[in-house]
Amino acid sequence: MNERRDSQRVPVILDAVLNYQAQVTMCTVRDISLNGAFIEGTPSDLPYFNASIELGLTLNAGGETKQHRIPAKIRRITDKGAGVSFGDVEMDAYFTLVNLVYNA
């Protein structure tokens, strides 16, 4: 299978909040890149393919902990979770992701 990712992904274990319409689901991010992430979860707890979601992450940058809300879309669903691609990431969140991905 050909790799379709544009940026490096790193394995992580991050607690996250997946917001979809009026639903809030606690989940775990298992890998992350500048363009997306894989969210662990059962398919019945996840929105449908191509659904627009918001991913809430608490990330550390420069010794400071910040909460980020990242718009994303469900791009792949497996029996272990979902692959998401990020939408427009605000600059502060983007630089925190850069630090996380390239310093892991």
PDB file of N, CA and C in Angstrom:
ATOM      1  N   MET A   1       0.840  -1.181   0.000  1.00  0.00           N
ATOM      2  CA  MET A   1       0.000   0.000   0.000  1.00  0.00           C
ATOM      3  C   MET A   1       0.888   1.248   0.000  1.00  0.00           C
ATOM      4  N   ASN A   2       0.602   2.194  -0.838  1.00  0.00           N
ATOM      5  CA  ASN A   2       1.383   3.418  -0.923  1.00  0.00           C
ATOM      6  C   ASN A   2       1.048   4.360   0.214  1.00  0.00           C
ATOM      7  N   GLU A   3       2.073   4.993   0.754  1.00  0.00           N
ATOM      8  CA  GLU A   3       1.897   5.979   1.815  1.00  0.00           C
ATOM      9  C   GLU A   3       1.411   7.273   1.194  1.00  0.00           C
ATOM     10  N   ARG A   4       0.333   7.854   1.735  1.00  0.00           N
ATOM     11  CA  ARG A   4      -0.232   9.074   1.167  1.00  0.00           C
ATOM     12  C   ARG A   4      -0.018  10.288   2.058  1.00  0.00           C
ATOM     13  N   ARG A   5       0.732  10.144   3.129  1.00  0.00           N
ATOM     14  CA  ARG A   5       0.941  11.264   4.032  1.00  0.00           C
ATOM     15  C   ARG A   5       1.977  12.232   3.455  1.00  0.00           C
ATOM     16  N   ASP A   6       1.770  13.512   3.720  1.00  0.00           N
ATOM     17  CA  ASP A   6       2.698  14.532   3.253  1.00  0.00           C
ATOM     18  C   ASP A   6       3.732  14.903   4.312  1.00  0.00           C
ATOM     19  N   SER A   7       3.474  14.555   5.568  1.00  0.00           N
ATOM     20  CA  SER A   7       4.403  14.944   6.624  1.00  0.00           C
ATOM     21  C   SER A   7       4.640  13.781   7.579  1.00  0.00           C
ATOM     22  N   GLN A   8       5.760  13.871   8.256  1.00  0.00           N
ATOM     23  CA  GLN A   8       6.173  12.853   9.207  1.00  0.00           C
ATOM     24  C   GLN A   8       5.133  12.699  10.310  1.00  0.00           C
ATOM     25  N   ARG A   9       4.881  11.454  10.705  1.00  0.00           N
ATOM     26  CA  ARG A   9       3.999  11.237  11.846  1.00  0.00           C
ATOM     27  C   ARG A   9       4.799  10.593  12.962  1.00  0.00           C
ATOM     28  N   VAL A  10       4.412  10.881  14.176  1.00  0.00           N
ATOM     29  CA  VAL A  10       5.113  10.336  15.332  1.00  0.00           C
ATOM     30  C   VAL A  10       4.110   9.641  16.245  1.00  0.00           C
ATOM     31  N   PRO A  11       4.537   8.527  16.848  1.00  0.00           N
ATOM     32  CA  PRO A  11       3.649   7.860  17.793  1.00  0.00           C
ATOM     33  C   PRO A  11       3.555   8.680  19.084  1.00  0.00           C
ATOM     34  N   VAL A  12       2.351   8.804  19.606  1.00  0.00           N
ATOM     35  CA  VAL A  12       2.098   9.536  20.844  1.00  0.00           C
ATOM     36  C   VAL A  12       0.965   8.844  21.594  1.00  0.00           C
ATOM     37  N   ILE A  13       0.790   9.228  22.814  1.00  0.00           N
ATOM     38  CA  ILE A  13      -0.407   8.858  23.562  1.00  0.00           C
ATOM     39  C   ILE A  13      -0.902  10.157  24.185  1.00  0.00           C
ATOM     40  N   LEU A  14      -1.933  10.733  23.561  1.00  0.00           N
ATOM     41  CA  LEU A  14      -2.501  12.001  24.023  1.00  0.00           C
ATOM     42  C   LEU A  14      -3.994  11.838  24.248  1.00  0.00           C
ATOM     43  N   ASP A  15      -4.459  12.256  25.404  1.00  0.00           N
ATOM     44  CA  ASP A  15      -5.901  12.300  25.613  1.00  0.00           C
ATOM     45  C   ASP A  15      -6.462  13.433  24.764  1.00  0.00           C
ATOM     46  N   ALA A  16      -7.630  13.204  24.205  1.00  0.00           N
ATOM     47  CA  ALA A  16      -8.250  14.208  23.336  1.00  0.00           C
ATOM     48  C   ALA A  16      -9.756  14.179  23.514  1.00  0.00           C
ATOM     49  N   VAL A  17     -10.379  15.256  23.101  1.00  0.00           N
ATOM     50  CA  VAL A  17     -11.830  15.368  23.078  1.00  0.00           C
ATOM     51  C   VAL A  17     -12.245  15.540  21.623  1.00  0.00           C
ATOM     52  N   LEU A  18     -13.110  14.660  21.154  1.00  0.00           N
ATOM     53  CA  LEU A  18     -13.619  14.747  19.792  1.00  0.00           C
ATOM     54  C   LEU A  18     -15.015  15.359  19.877  1.00  0.00           C
ATOM     55  N   ASN A  19     -15.167  16.528  19.287  1.00  0.00           N
ATOM     56  CA  ASN A  19     -16.458  17.216  19.259  1.00  0.00           C
ATOM     57  C   ASN A  19     -17.083  17.028  17.886  1.00  0.00           C
ATOM     58  N   TYR A  20     -18.297  16.511  17.884  1.00  0.00           N
ATOM     59  CA  TYR A  20     -19.027  16.330  16.636  1.00  0.00           C
ATOM     60  C   TYR A  20     -20.480  16.699  16.885  1.00  0.00           C
ATOM     61  N   GLN A  21     -20.939  17.757  16.244  1.00  0.00           N
ATOM     62  CA  GLN A  21     -22.273  18.303  16.451  1.00  0.00           C
ATOM     63  C   GLN A  21     -22.473  18.495  17.950  1.00  0.00           C
ATOM     64  N   ALA A  22     -23.465  17.871  18.565  1.00  0.00           N
ATOM     65  CA  ALA A  22     -23.698  18.046  19.999  1.00  0.00           C
ATOM     66  C   ALA A  22     -23.076  16.921  20.816  1.00  0.00           C
ATOM     67  N   GLN A  23     -22.256  16.083  20.185  1.00  0.00           N
ATOM     68  CA  GLN A  23     -21.632  14.949  20.854  1.00  0.00           C
ATOM     69  C   GLN A  23     -20.205  15.260  21.254  1.00  0.00           C
ATOM     70  N   VAL A  24     -19.820  14.785  22.432  1.00  0.00           N
ATOM     71  CA  VAL A  24     -18.448  14.904  22.903  1.00  0.00           C
ATOM     72  C   VAL A  24     -17.976  13.503  23.259  1.00  0.00           C
ATOM     73  N   THR A  25     -16.844  13.094  22.690  1.00  0.00           N
ATOM     74  CA  THR A  25     -16.298  11.768  22.937  1.00  0.00           C
ATOM     75  C   THR A  25     -14.858  11.897  23.393  1.00  0.00           C
ATOM     76  N   MET A  26     -14.531  11.258  24.505  1.00  0.00           N
ATOM     77  CA  MET A  26     -13.149  11.199  24.964  1.00  0.00           C
ATOM     78  C   MET A  26     -12.440  10.131  24.144  1.00  0.00           C
ATOM     79  N   CYS A  27     -11.231  10.421  23.691  1.00  0.00           N
ATOM     80  CA  CYS A  27     -10.490   9.459  22.888  1.00  0.00           C
ATOM     81  C   CYS A  27      -9.000   9.629  23.131  1.00  0.00           C
ATOM     82  N   THR A  28      -8.216   8.801  22.464  1.00  0.00           N
ATOM     83  CA  THR A  28      -6.765   8.843  22.589  1.00  0.00           C
ATOM     84  C   THR A  28      -6.150   8.983  21.200  1.00  0.00           C
ATOM     85  N   VAL A  29      -5.258   9.947  21.058  1.00  0.00           N
ATOM     86  CA  VAL A  29      -4.510  10.115  19.813  1.00  0.00           C
ATOM     87  C   VAL A  29      -3.303   9.192  19.895  1.00  0.00           C
ATOM     88  N   ARG A  30      -3.122   8.341  18.877  1.00  0.00           N
ATOM     89  CA  ARG A  30      -2.033   7.360  18.870  1.00  0.00           C
ATOM     90  C   ARG A  30      -0.864   7.760  17.981  1.00  0.00           C
ATOM     91  N   ASP A  31      -1.121   8.557  16.957  1.00  0.00           N
ATOM     92  CA  ASP A  31      -0.017   9.157  16.202  1.00  0.00           C
ATOM     93  C   ASP A  31      -0.505  10.484  15.656  1.00  0.00           C
ATOM     94  N   ILE A  32       0.474  11.362  15.401  1.00  0.00           N
ATOM     95  CA  ILE A  32       0.122  12.721  14.993  1.00  0.00           C
ATOM     96  C   ILE A  32       1.175  13.247  14.025  1.00  0.00           C
ATOM     97  N   SER A  33       0.740  14.121  13.134  1.00  0.00           N
ATOM     98  CA  SER A  33       1.637  14.810  12.207  1.00  0.00           C
ATOM     99  C   SER A  33       1.152  16.258  12.112  1.00  0.00           C
ATOM    100  N   LEU A  34       1.773  17.029  11.250  1.00  0.00           N
ATOM    101  CA  LEU A  34       1.327  18.405  11.049  1.00  0.00           C
ATOM    102  C   LEU A  34      -0.012  18.459  10.327  1.00  0.00           C
ATOM    103  N   ASN A  35      -0.352  17.379   9.618  1.00  0.00           N
ATOM    104  CA  ASN A  35      -1.563  17.372   8.804  1.00  0.00           C
ATOM    105  C   ASN A  35      -2.710  16.538   9.350  1.00  0.00           C
ATOM    106  N   GLY A  36      -2.461  15.732  10.377  1.00  0.00           N
ATOM    107  CA  GLY A  36      -3.527  14.879  10.864  1.00  0.00           C
ATOM    108  C   GLY A  36      -3.098  13.986  12.008  1.00  0.00           C
ATOM    109  N   ALA A  37      -3.986  13.045  12.349  1.00  0.00           N
ATOM    110  CA  ALA A  37      -3.731  12.161  13.489  1.00  0.00           C
ATOM    111  C   ALA A  37      -4.546  10.888  13.338  1.00  0.00           C
ATOM    112  N   PHE A  38      -4.181   9.881  14.130  1.00  0.00           N
ATOM    113  CA  PHE A  38      -4.999   8.680  14.238  1.00  0.00           C
ATOM    114  C   PHE A  38      -5.580   8.662  15.635  1.00  0.00           C
ATOM    115  N   ILE A  39      -6.907   8.560  15.715  1.00  0.00           N
ATOM    116  CA  ILE A  39      -7.631   8.570  16.973  1.00  0.00           C
ATOM    117  C   ILE A  39      -8.112   7.160  17.262  1.00  0.00           C
ATOM    118  N   GLU A  40      -7.721   6.647  18.418  1.00  0.00           N
ATOM    119  CA  GLU A  40      -8.150   5.314  18.811  1.00  0.00           C
ATOM    120  C   GLU A  40      -9.581   5.371  19.325  1.00  0.00           C
ATOM    121  N   GLY A  41     -10.389   4.413  18.908  1.00  0.00           N
ATOM    122  CA  GLY A  41     -11.772   4.350  19.367  1.00  0.00           C
ATOM    123  C   GLY A  41     -12.548   3.306  18.591  1.00  0.00           C
ATOM    124  N   THR A  42     -13.695   2.941  19.111  1.00  0.00           N
ATOM    125  CA  THR A  42     -14.529   1.979  18.402  1.00  0.00           C
ATOM    126  C   THR A  42     -15.346   2.709  17.342  1.00  0.00           C
ATOM    127  N   PRO A  43     -15.519   2.091  16.184  1.00  0.00           N
ATOM    128  CA  PRO A  43     -16.236   2.750  15.094  1.00  0.00           C
ATOM    129  C   PRO A  43     -17.631   3.249  15.485  1.00  0.00           C
ATOM    130  N   SER A  44     -18.300   2.554  16.381  1.00  0.00           N
ATOM    131  CA  SER A  44     -19.647   2.988  16.777  1.00  0.00           C
ATOM    132  C   SER A  44     -19.622   4.296  17.574  1.00  0.00           C
ATOM    133  N   ASP A  45     -18.467   4.644  18.170  1.00  0.00           N
ATOM    134  CA  ASP A  45     -18.340   5.888  18.930  1.00  0.00           C
ATOM    135  C   ASP A  45     -17.881   7.055  18.072  1.00  0.00           C
ATOM    136  N   LEU A  46     -17.526   6.769  16.810  1.00  0.00           N
ATOM    137  CA  LEU A  46     -16.965   7.798  15.942  1.00  0.00           C
ATOM    138  C   LEU A  46     -17.977   8.258  14.901  1.00  0.00           C
ATOM    139  N   PRO A  47     -17.861   9.507  14.452  1.00  0.00           N
ATOM    140  CA  PRO A  47     -18.722   9.985  13.364  1.00  0.00           C
ATOM    141  C   PRO A  47     -18.402   9.239  12.060  1.00  0.00           C
ATOM    142  N   TYR A  48     -19.190   9.483  11.063  1.00  0.00           N
ATOM    143  CA  TYR A  48     -19.062   8.823   9.774  1.00  0.00           C
ATOM    144  C   TYR A  48     -17.873   9.364   8.966  1.00  0.00           C
ATOM    145  N   PHE A  49     -17.504   8.625   7.926  1.00  0.00           N
ATOM    146  CA  PHE A  49     -16.436   9.030   7.018  1.00  0.00           C
ATOM    147  C   PHE A  49     -16.714  10.420   6.453  1.00  0.00           C
ATOM    148  N   ASN A  50     -15.711  11.266   6.409  1.00  0.00           N
ATOM    149  CA  ASN A  50     -15.750  12.619   5.866  1.00  0.00           C
ATOM    150  C   ASN A  50     -16.502  13.622   6.749  1.00  0.00           C
ATOM    151  N   ALA A  51     -16.874  13.207   7.960  1.00  0.00           N
ATOM    152  CA  ALA A  51     -17.549  14.128   8.884  1.00  0.00           C
ATOM    153  C   ALA A  51     -16.574  15.202   9.361  1.00  0.00           C
ATOM    154  N   SER A  52     -17.064  16.424   9.489  1.00  0.00           N
ATOM    155  CA  SER A  52     -16.266  17.510  10.052  1.00  0.00           C
ATOM    156  C   SER A  52     -16.356  17.434  11.565  1.00  0.00           C
ATOM    157  N   ILE A  53     -15.200  17.444  12.212  1.00  0.00           N
ATOM    158  CA  ILE A  53     -15.135  17.354  13.666  1.00  0.00           C
ATOM    159  C   ILE A  53     -14.226  18.447  14.194  1.00  0.00           C
ATOM    160  N   GLU A  54     -14.136  18.513  15.511  1.00  0.00           N
ATOM    161  CA  GLU A  54     -13.151  19.362  16.155  1.00  0.00           C
ATOM    162  C   GLU A  54     -12.427  18.484  17.166  1.00  0.00           C
ATOM    163  N   LEU A  55     -11.107  18.559  17.165  1.00  0.00           N
ATOM    164  CA  LEU A  55     -10.293  17.767  18.068  1.00  0.00           C
ATOM    165  C   LEU A  55      -9.710  18.696  19.119  1.00  0.00           C
ATOM    166  N   GLY A  56     -10.025  18.428  20.370  1.00  0.00           N
ATOM    167  CA  GLY A  56      -9.490  19.218  21.483  1.00  0.00           C
ATOM    168  C   GLY A  56      -8.275  18.525  22.068  1.00  0.00           C
ATOM    169  N   LEU A  57      -7.140  19.211  22.049  1.00  0.00           N
ATOM    170  CA  LEU A  57      -5.888  18.650  22.553  1.00  0.00           C
ATOM    171  C   LEU A  57      -5.262  19.580  23.573  1.00  0.00           C
ATOM    172  N   THR A  58      -4.671  19.007  24.597  1.00  0.00           N
ATOM    173  CA  THR A  58      -3.883  19.771  25.556  1.00  0.00           C
ATOM    174  C   THR A  58      -2.427  19.462  25.262  1.00  0.00           C
ATOM    175  N   LEU A  59      -1.676  20.488  24.836  1.00  0.00           N
ATOM    176  CA  LEU A  59      -0.292  20.301  24.416  1.00  0.00           C
ATOM    177  C   LEU A  59       0.633  21.216  25.202  1.00  0.00           C
ATOM    178  N   ASN A  60       1.865  20.757  25.411  1.00  0.00           N
ATOM    179  CA  ASN A  60       2.882  21.544  26.105  1.00  0.00           C
ATOM    180  C   ASN A  60       3.792  22.214  25.092  1.00  0.00           C
ATOM    181  N   ALA A  61       4.083  23.468  25.317  1.00  0.00           N
ATOM    182  CA  ALA A  61       5.025  24.203  24.468  1.00  0.00           C
ATOM    183  C   ALA A  61       5.783  25.190  25.337  1.00  0.00           C
ATOM    184  N   GLY A  62       7.085  25.066  25.328  1.00  0.00           N
ATOM    185  CA  GLY A  62       7.908  25.997  26.101  1.00  0.00           C
ATOM    186  C   GLY A  62       7.593  25.989  27.578  1.00  0.00           C
ATOM    187  N   GLY A  63       7.270  24.836  28.125  1.00  0.00           N
ATOM    188  CA  GLY A  63       6.954  24.729  29.552  1.00  0.00           C
ATOM    189  C   GLY A  63       5.564  25.187  29.915  1.00  0.00           C
ATOM    190  N   GLU A  64       4.778  25.545  28.929  1.00  0.00           N
ATOM    191  CA  GLU A  64       3.414  26.025  29.164  1.00  0.00           C
ATOM    192  C   GLU A  64       2.412  25.045  28.557  1.00  0.00           C
ATOM    193  N   THR A  65       1.355  24.752  29.287  1.00  0.00           N
ATOM    194  CA  THR A  65       0.308  23.855  28.797  1.00  0.00           C
ATOM    195  C   THR A  65      -0.831  24.690  28.239  1.00  0.00           C
ATOM    196  N   LYS A  66      -1.225  24.359  27.001  1.00  0.00           N
ATOM    197  CA  LYS A  66      -2.316  25.085  26.358  1.00  0.00           C
ATOM    198  C   LYS A  66      -3.309  24.110  25.755  1.00  0.00           C
ATOM    199  N   GLN A  67      -4.557  24.522  25.739  1.00  0.00           N
ATOM    200  CA  GLN A  67      -5.596  23.744  25.090  1.00  0.00           C
ATOM    201  C   GLN A  67      -5.790  24.279  23.682  1.00  0.00           C
ATOM    202  N   HIS A  68      -5.882  23.350  22.725  1.00  0.00           N
ATOM    203  CA  HIS A  68      -6.064  23.725  21.326  1.00  0.00           C
ATOM    204  C   HIS A  68      -7.293  23.020  20.774  1.00  0.00           C
ATOM    205  N   ARG A  69      -8.029  23.731  19.963  1.00  0.00           N
ATOM    206  CA  ARG A  69      -9.196  23.171  19.274  1.00  0.00           C
ATOM    207  C   ARG A  69      -8.882  23.189  17.788  1.00  0.00           C
ATOM    208  N   ILE A  70      -8.733  21.989  17.226  1.00  0.00           N
ATOM    209  CA  ILE A  70      -8.283  21.860  15.846  1.00  0.00           C
ATOM    210  C   ILE A  70      -9.405  21.287  14.986  1.00  0.00           C
ATOM    211  N   PRO A  71      -9.827  22.011  13.952  1.00  0.00           N
ATOM    212  CA  PRO A  71     -10.836  21.467  13.047  1.00  0.00           C
ATOM    213  C   PRO A  71     -10.228  20.331  12.221  1.00  0.00           C
ATOM    214  N   ALA A  72     -11.032  19.304  11.975  1.00  0.00           N
ATOM    215  CA  ALA A  72     -10.514  18.139  11.239  1.00  0.00           C
ATOM    216  C   ALA A  72     -11.657  17.443  10.512  1.00  0.00           C
ATOM    217  N   LYS A  73     -11.291  16.485   9.668  1.00  0.00           N
ATOM    218  CA  LYS A  73     -12.270  15.638   8.971  1.00  0.00           C
ATOM    219  C   LYS A  73     -11.861  14.188   9.133  1.00  0.00           C
ATOM    220  N   ILE A  74     -12.856  13.331   9.286  1.00  0.00           N
ATOM    221  CA  ILE A  74     -12.616  11.890   9.341  1.00  0.00           C
ATOM    222  C   ILE A  74     -12.280  11.435   7.924  1.00  0.00           C
ATOM    223  N   ARG A  75     -11.085  10.861   7.726  1.00  0.00           N
ATOM    224  CA  ARG A  75     -10.642  10.445   6.395  1.00  0.00           C
ATOM    225  C   ARG A  75     -10.553   8.937   6.230  1.00  0.00           C
ATOM    226  N   ARG A  76     -10.500   8.219   7.357  1.00  0.00           N
ATOM    227  CA  ARG A  76     -10.386   6.762   7.298  1.00  0.00           C
ATOM    228  C   ARG A  76     -10.919   6.208   8.607  1.00  0.00           C
ATOM    229  N   ILE A  77     -11.698   5.129   8.526  1.00  0.00           N
ATOM    230  CA  ILE A  77     -12.209   4.465   9.721  1.00  0.00           C
ATOM    231  C   ILE A  77     -11.768   3.006   9.677  1.00  0.00           C
ATOM    232  N   THR A  78     -11.206   2.538  10.793  1.00  0.00           N
ATOM    233  CA  THR A  78     -10.806   1.143  10.920  1.00  0.00           C
ATOM    234  C   THR A  78     -11.496   0.565  12.143  1.00  0.00           C
ATOM    235  N   ASP A  79     -11.251  -0.702  12.411  1.00  0.00           N
ATOM    236  CA  ASP A  79     -11.840  -1.302  13.609  1.00  0.00           C
ATOM    237  C   ASP A  79     -11.159  -0.808  14.884  1.00  0.00           C
ATOM    238  N   LYS A  80     -10.034  -0.082  14.763  1.00  0.00           N
ATOM    239  CA  LYS A  80      -9.316   0.434  15.929  1.00  0.00           C
ATOM    240  C   LYS A  80      -9.468   1.938  16.131  1.00  0.00           C
ATOM    241  N   GLY A  81     -10.069   2.626  15.157  1.00  0.00           N
ATOM    242  CA  GLY A  81     -10.210   4.062  15.297  1.00  0.00           C
ATOM    243  C   GLY A  81     -10.382   4.763  13.965  1.00  0.00           C
ATOM    244  N   ALA A  82      -9.930   6.016  13.917  1.00  0.00           N
ATOM    245  CA  ALA A  82     -10.119   6.825  12.714  1.00  0.00           C
ATOM    246  C   ALA A  82      -8.902   7.689  12.436  1.00  0.00           C
ATOM    247  N   GLY A  83      -8.581   7.815  11.151  1.00  0.00           N
ATOM    248  CA  GLY A  83      -7.573   8.755  10.706  1.00  0.00           C
ATOM    249  C   GLY A  83      -8.261  10.064  10.371  1.00  0.00           C
ATOM    250  N   VAL A  84      -7.710  11.164  10.839  1.00  0.00           N
ATOM    251  CA  VAL A  84      -8.298  12.472  10.567  1.00  0.00           C
ATOM    252  C   VAL A  84      -7.258  13.371   9.904  1.00  0.00           C
ATOM    253  N   SER A  85      -7.735  14.271   9.063  1.00  0.00           N
ATOM    254  CA  SER A  85      -6.855  15.300   8.505  1.00  0.00           C
ATOM    255  C   SER A  85      -7.273  16.628   9.113  1.00  0.00           C
ATOM    256  N   PHE A  86      -6.275  17.427   9.454  1.00  0.00           N
ATOM    257  CA  PHE A  86      -6.542  18.717  10.079  1.00  0.00           C
ATOM    258  C   PHE A  86      -6.972  19.743   9.040  1.00  0.00           C
ATOM    259  N   GLY A  87      -7.851  20.644   9.457  1.00  0.00           N
ATOM    260  CA  GLY A  87      -8.255  21.775   8.641  1.00  0.00           C
ATOM    261  C   GLY A  87      -7.304  22.931   8.911  1.00  0.00           C
ATOM    262  N   ASP A  88      -7.833  24.135   8.932  1.00  0.00           N
ATOM    263  CA  ASP A  88      -7.026  25.322   9.212  1.00  0.00           C
ATOM    264  C   ASP A  88      -6.655  25.357  10.693  1.00  0.00           C
ATOM    265  N   VAL A  89      -5.377  25.159  10.958  1.00  0.00           N
ATOM    266  CA  VAL A  89      -4.868  25.143  12.328  1.00  0.00           C
ATOM    267  C   VAL A  89      -4.364  26.541  12.657  1.00  0.00           C
ATOM    268  N   GLU A  90      -4.798  27.090  13.792  1.00  0.00           N
ATOM    269  CA  GLU A  90      -4.320  28.420  14.171  1.00  0.00           C
ATOM    270  C   GLU A  90      -2.814  28.373  14.398  1.00  0.00           C
ATOM    271  N   MET A  91      -2.166  29.494  14.234  1.00  0.00           N
ATOM    272  CA  MET A  91      -0.715  29.558  14.235  1.00  0.00           C
ATOM    273  C   MET A  91      -0.093  29.017  15.515  1.00  0.00           C
ATOM    274  N   ASP A  92      -0.645  29.339  16.653  1.00  0.00           N
ATOM    275  CA  ASP A  92      -0.116  28.879  17.928  1.00  0.00           C
ATOM    276  C   ASP A  92      -0.148  27.348  18.003  1.00  0.00           C
ATOM    277  N   ALA A  93      -1.254  26.751  17.596  1.00  0.00           N
ATOM    278  CA  ALA A  93      -1.385  25.293  17.597  1.00  0.00           C
ATOM    279  C   ALA A  93      -0.421  24.676  16.585  1.00  0.00           C
ATOM    280  N   TYR A  94      -0.266  25.314  15.434  1.00  0.00           N
ATOM    281  CA  TYR A  94       0.632  24.795  14.403  1.00  0.00           C
ATOM    282  C   TYR A  94       2.067  24.726  14.920  1.00  0.00           C
ATOM    283  N   PHE A  95       2.553  25.789  15.550  1.00  0.00           N
ATOM    284  CA  PHE A  95       3.923  25.790  16.056  1.00  0.00           C
ATOM    285  C   PHE A  95       4.106  24.780  17.180  1.00  0.00           C
ATOM    286  N   THR A  96       3.075  24.561  17.959  1.00  0.00           N
ATOM    287  CA  THR A  96       3.129  23.530  18.997  1.00  0.00           C
ATOM    288  C   THR A  96       3.207  22.144  18.351  1.00  0.00           C
ATOM    289  N   LEU A  97       2.449  21.927  17.278  1.00  0.00           N
ATOM    290  CA  LEU A  97       2.523  20.654  16.544  1.00  0.00           C
ATOM    291  C   LEU A  97       3.907  20.463  15.922  1.00  0.00           C
ATOM    292  N   VAL A  98       4.469  21.506  15.351  1.00  0.00           N
ATOM    293  CA  VAL A  98       5.813  21.428  14.772  1.00  0.00           C
ATOM    294  C   VAL A  98       6.801  20.984  15.852  1.00  0.00           C
ATOM    295  N   ASN A  99       6.726  21.604  17.017  1.00  0.00           N
ATOM    296  CA  ASN A  99       7.609  21.249  18.123  1.00  0.00           C
ATOM    297  C   ASN A  99       7.405  19.786  18.540  1.00  0.00           C
ATOM    298  N   LEU A 100       6.183  19.354  18.634  1.00  0.00           N
ATOM    299  CA  LEU A 100       5.866  17.981  19.022  1.00  0.00           C
ATOM    300  C   LEU A 100       6.382  16.973  17.990  1.00  0.00           C
ATOM    301  N   VAL A 101       6.118  17.210  16.724  1.00  0.00           N
ATOM    302  CA  VAL A 101       6.482  16.274  15.669  1.00  0.00           C
ATOM    303  C   VAL A 101       7.992  16.197  15.450  1.00  0.00           C
ATOM    304  N   TYR A 102       8.669  17.316  15.437  1.00  0.00           N
ATOM    305  CA  TYR A 102      10.081  17.313  15.100  1.00  0.00           C
ATOM    306  C   TYR A 102      11.006  17.152  16.287  1.00  0.00           C
ATOM    307  N   ASN A 103      10.486  17.213  17.487  1.00  0.00           N
ATOM    308  CA  ASN A 103      11.311  17.010  18.680  1.00  0.00           C
ATOM    309  C   ASN A 103      10.957  15.731  19.426  1.00  0.00           C
ATOM    310  N   ALA A 104      10.155  14.880  18.785  1.00  0.00           N
ATOM    311  CA  ALA A 104       9.749  13.631  19.439  1.00  0.00           C
ATOM    312  C   ALA A 104      10.847  12.600  19.380  1.00  0.00           C
TER     313      ALA A 104
END
